[in-house]
Every structure is written in C-alpha cells, then in structure tokens.
Amino acid sequence: MAHILIAEDDQSMCSFLQLALEKAGHNVQIAYNGIDALKIIEESAAPIDLLLSDIVMPGMDGVELSNKATKAQPSIKIMFITGFAAVAMEREDLDQEKTKILSKPFHLNDLVEQVETLLTA
C-alpha cells in the first residue's frame, strides 16, 4: 500500500481518482491546489510515495509543485494527469526521465496500472 497525494483542482476528478486508488489498496490524500499539496508534503510525518498532480492549477502549477515536492521529499515519485500533454512535454523545467504523464481522458484502470508500474520502478 502506497501513500498517494492527489493535487487536482477538479473535485469530481479527485473523487474518481481517490476511489480507484483506494480500491487498489492505497492510502490517498487530496489537495485541491498546489499550495495546499505542498503544505501536506512539507508537514507529512510519513513519506509520500507518489504525487499525482494536474499540471494546470491555479496558484501553483503542477510542475512548480513537483519541483518543490522533490526538494522536500527527494524519494517522492511524480505522475502528471493533464489534458495538455503536448504542452507539458515541451516544458524545459520538467525532468522527462523521472516524470510520468498520463493524458486526459483516461480509463481509471489505466491510471491504476500506470501508478503500480511507477511505484514498483
């Protein structure tokens, strides 16, 4: 069982993601923006195994969040979910080798499979 933090500003999307990941046996926390997600990461007593983040969010985008998250918890793995994958792949501040990007729309089974693959890598 992994500790997963979802950072996504769409509350209905969060609910679907949380349900699928908890059904797969993971412990899931939710943050509806990057600022709250970073606070959770910095204050978490236990390490967070995976940050599952939208890229486009108000306040702090997912890429900035991932950069700050890896400074706070260097072992954290990052997966982005986005409807803007082409734009995300062009970002120079995104570590292409350490980051998984899943394009919206996706099937929840695909998400769970990708999460499991990333966690075991």
C-alpha atoms as a PDB file:
ATOM      1  CA  MET A   1       0.000   0.000   0.000  1.00  0.00           C
ATOM      2  CA  ALA A   2       1.407   3.348  -1.054  1.00  0.00           C
ATOM      3  CA  HIS A   3       0.754   6.819   0.332  1.00  0.00           C
ATOM      4  CA  ILE A   4      -0.513   8.897  -2.619  1.00  0.00           C
ATOM      5  CA  LEU A   5      -1.255  12.611  -2.691  1.00  0.00           C
ATOM      6  CA  ILE A   6      -3.607  13.844  -5.409  1.00  0.00           C
ATOM      7  CA  ALA A   7      -3.291  17.526  -6.356  1.00  0.00           C
ATOM      8  CA  GLU A   8      -6.186  18.372  -8.666  1.00  0.00           C
ATOM      9  CA  ASP A   9      -8.488  21.392  -8.738  1.00  0.00           C
ATOM     10  CA  ASP A  10     -11.432  19.456 -10.219  1.00  0.00           C
ATOM     11  CA  GLN A  11     -13.248  17.964  -7.209  1.00  0.00           C
ATOM     12  CA  SER A  12     -15.188  15.381  -9.216  1.00  0.00           C
ATOM     13  CA  MET A  13     -11.946  14.179 -10.836  1.00  0.00           C
ATOM     14  CA  CYS A  14     -10.410  13.893  -7.356  1.00  0.00           C
ATOM     15  CA  SER A  15     -13.289  11.730  -6.203  1.00  0.00           C
ATOM     16  CA  PHE A  16     -12.893   9.341  -9.139  1.00  0.00           C
ATOM     17  CA  LEU A  17      -9.135   9.122  -8.699  1.00  0.00           C
ATOM     18  CA  GLN A  18      -9.394   8.617  -4.953  1.00  0.00           C
ATOM     19  CA  LEU A  19     -11.990   5.872  -5.313  1.00  0.00           C
ATOM     20  CA  ALA A  20      -9.943   3.973  -7.907  1.00  0.00           C
ATOM     21  CA  LEU A  21      -6.691   4.217  -5.969  1.00  0.00           C
ATOM     22  CA  GLU A  22      -8.245   3.322  -2.609  1.00  0.00           C
ATOM     23  CA  LYS A  23      -9.941   0.337  -4.255  1.00  0.00           C
ATOM     24  CA  ALA A  24      -6.458  -0.711  -5.418  1.00  0.00           C
ATOM     25  CA  GLY A  25      -5.347  -0.620  -1.760  1.00  0.00           C
ATOM     26  CA  HIS A  26      -3.581   2.720  -1.496  1.00  0.00           C
ATOM     27  CA  ASN A  27      -3.808   5.422   1.170  1.00  0.00           C
ATOM     28  CA  VAL A  28      -4.928   8.600  -0.625  1.00  0.00           C
ATOM     29  CA  GLN A  29      -4.922  12.260   0.415  1.00  0.00           C
ATOM     30  CA  ILE A  30      -6.465  15.097  -1.590  1.00  0.00           C
ATOM     31  CA  ALA A  31      -5.392  18.694  -2.166  1.00  0.00           C
ATOM     32  CA  TYR A  32      -7.414  20.929  -4.474  1.00  0.00           C
ATOM     33  CA  ASN A  33      -4.467  23.156  -5.392  1.00  0.00           C
ATOM     34  CA  GLY A  34      -0.677  23.130  -5.472  1.00  0.00           C
ATOM     35  CA  ILE A  35      -0.249  25.353  -2.434  1.00  0.00           C
ATOM     36  CA  ASP A  36      -2.246  23.013  -0.179  1.00  0.00           C
ATOM     37  CA  ALA A  37      -0.487  19.978  -1.676  1.00  0.00           C
ATOM     38  CA  LEU A  38       2.943  21.410  -0.898  1.00  0.00           C
ATOM     39  CA  LYS A  39       1.861  22.117   2.678  1.00  0.00           C
ATOM     40  CA  ILE A  40       0.791  18.465   3.058  1.00  0.00           C
ATOM     41  CA  ILE A  41       4.110  17.267   1.613  1.00  0.00           C
ATOM     42  CA  GLU A  42       6.178  19.508   3.870  1.00  0.00           C
ATOM     43  CA  GLU A  43       4.188  18.636   7.011  1.00  0.00           C
ATOM     44  CA  SER A  44       3.663  14.914   6.408  1.00  0.00           C
ATOM     45  CA  ALA A  45       5.091  12.734   9.177  1.00  0.00           C
ATOM     46  CA  ALA A  46       5.282   9.752   6.812  1.00  0.00           C
ATOM     47  CA  PRO A  47       6.856   9.938   3.374  1.00  0.00           C
ATOM     48  CA  ILE A  48       4.524  10.358   0.417  1.00  0.00           C
ATOM     49  CA  ASP A  49       5.277   7.731  -2.201  1.00  0.00           C
ATOM     50  CA  LEU A  50       3.556   9.381  -5.155  1.00  0.00           C
ATOM     51  CA  LEU A  51       2.352  12.846  -6.080  1.00  0.00           C
ATOM     52  CA  LEU A  52      -0.412  12.555  -8.677  1.00  0.00           C
ATOM     53  CA  SER A  53      -0.908  16.078  -9.940  1.00  0.00           C
ATOM     54  CA  ASP A  54      -2.708  18.011 -12.609  1.00  0.00           C
ATOM     55  CA  ILE A  55      -0.324  20.336 -14.424  1.00  0.00           C
ATOM     56  CA  VAL A  56      -2.695  23.258 -14.870  1.00  0.00           C
ATOM     57  CA  MET A  57      -3.936  24.513 -11.477  1.00  0.00           C
ATOM     58  CA  PRO A  58      -4.475  27.963 -10.028  1.00  0.00           C
ATOM     59  CA  GLY A  59      -1.907  29.388  -7.598  1.00  0.00           C
ATOM     60  CA  MET A  60       0.904  26.911  -8.182  1.00  0.00           C
ATOM     61  CA  ASP A  61       1.011  24.696 -11.247  1.00  0.00           C
ATOM     62  CA  GLY A  62       1.900  21.020 -11.113  1.00  0.00           C
ATOM     63  CA  VAL A  63       5.436  21.440 -12.458  1.00  0.00           C
ATOM     64  CA  GLU A  64       6.343  24.018  -9.814  1.00  0.00           C
ATOM     65  CA  LEU A  65       4.714  21.778  -7.201  1.00  0.00           C
ATOM     66  CA  SER A  66       6.715  18.761  -8.350  1.00  0.00           C
ATOM     67  CA  ASN A  67       9.984  20.710  -8.192  1.00  0.00           C
ATOM     68  CA  LYS A  68       9.263  21.854  -4.630  1.00  0.00           C
ATOM     69  CA  ALA A  69       7.944  18.409  -3.626  1.00  0.00           C
ATOM     70  CA  THR A  70      11.140  16.656  -4.713  1.00  0.00           C
ATOM     71  CA  LYS A  71      13.181  19.134  -2.679  1.00  0.00           C
ATOM     72  CA  ALA A  72      11.038  18.425   0.409  1.00  0.00           C
ATOM     73  CA  GLN A  73      10.877  14.662  -0.177  1.00  0.00           C
ATOM     74  CA  PRO A  74      13.583  13.526  -2.642  1.00  0.00           C
ATOM     75  CA  SER A  75      12.212   9.978  -2.933  1.00  0.00           C
ATOM     76  CA  ILE A  76       8.706  11.090  -3.996  1.00  0.00           C
ATOM     77  CA  LYS A  77       7.596   9.867  -7.422  1.00  0.00           C
ATOM     78  CA  ILE A  78       5.646  12.172  -9.714  1.00  0.00           C
ATOM     79  CA  MET A  79       2.827  11.464 -12.144  1.00  0.00           C
ATOM     80  CA  PHE A  80       1.007  14.194 -14.003  1.00  0.00           C
ATOM     81  CA  ILE A  81      -2.523  13.947 -15.309  1.00  0.00           C
ATOM     82  CA  THR A  82      -3.318  16.580 -17.864  1.00  0.00           C
ATOM     83  CA  GLY A  83      -5.347  17.491 -20.868  1.00  0.00           C
ATOM     84  CA  PHE A  84      -2.334  19.428 -22.161  1.00  0.00           C
ATOM     85  CA  ALA A  85       0.255  16.647 -22.615  1.00  0.00           C
ATOM     86  CA  ALA A  86       1.870  18.208 -25.688  1.00  0.00           C
ATOM     87  CA  VAL A  87       2.455  21.455 -23.811  1.00  0.00           C
ATOM     88  CA  ALA A  88       3.733  19.580 -20.763  1.00  0.00           C
ATOM     89  CA  MET A  89       6.245  17.604 -22.810  1.00  0.00           C
ATOM     90  CA  GLU A  90       7.765  20.850 -24.117  1.00  0.00           C
ATOM     91  CA  ARG A  91       8.472  22.303 -20.658  1.00  0.00           C
ATOM     92  CA  GLU A  92      12.190  22.583 -20.030  1.00  0.00           C
ATOM     93  CA  ASP A  93      11.772  22.563 -16.249  1.00  0.00           C
ATOM     94  CA  LEU A  94      10.187  19.106 -16.342  1.00  0.00           C
ATOM     95  CA  ASP A  95      12.515  16.141 -15.710  1.00  0.00           C
ATOM     96  CA  GLN A  96      11.393  13.844 -18.540  1.00  0.00           C
ATOM     97  CA  GLU A  97      13.209  10.804 -17.124  1.00  0.00           C
ATOM     98  CA  LYS A  98      11.669  10.966 -13.629  1.00  0.00           C
ATOM     99  CA  THR A  99       8.155  12.021 -14.584  1.00  0.00           C
ATOM    100  CA  LYS A 100       5.202  10.077 -15.962  1.00  0.00           C
ATOM    101  CA  ILE A 101       2.477  11.950 -17.844  1.00  0.00           C
ATOM    102  CA  LEU A 102      -0.990  10.488 -18.329  1.00  0.00           C
ATOM    103  CA  SER A 103      -3.182  12.380 -20.792  1.00  0.00           C
ATOM    104  CA  LYS A 104      -6.843  13.085 -20.098  1.00  0.00           C
ATOM    105  CA  PRO A 105      -9.183  11.461 -20.826  1.00  0.00           C
ATOM    106  CA  PHE A 106      -8.016   8.118 -19.484  1.00  0.00           C
ATOM    107  CA  HIS A 107      -9.647   4.988 -18.109  1.00  0.00           C
ATOM    108  CA  LEU A 108      -9.306   4.506 -14.346  1.00  0.00           C
ATOM    109  CA  ASN A 109      -7.894   1.014 -14.913  1.00  0.00           C
ATOM    110  CA  ASP A 110      -5.112   2.580 -16.991  1.00  0.00           C
ATOM    111  CA  LEU A 111      -4.404   5.032 -14.189  1.00  0.00           C
ATOM    112  CA  VAL A 112      -4.140   2.284 -11.572  1.00  0.00           C
ATOM    113  CA  GLU A 113      -1.896   0.238 -13.865  1.00  0.00           C
ATOM    114  CA  GLN A 114       0.405   3.223 -14.528  1.00  0.00           C
ATOM    115  CA  VAL A 115       0.551   4.047 -10.803  1.00  0.00           C
ATOM    116  CA  GLU A 116       1.505   0.455  -9.948  1.00  0.00           C
ATOM    117  CA  THR A 117       4.207   0.460 -12.630  1.00  0.00           C
ATOM    118  CA  LEU A 118       5.660   3.744 -11.397  1.00  0.00           C
ATOM    119  CA  LEU A 119       5.596   2.676  -7.754  1.00  0.00           C
ATOM    120  CA  THR A 120       7.472  -0.566  -8.480  1.00  0.00           C
ATOM    121  CA  ALA A 121      10.069   1.106 -10.728  1.00  0.00           C
END
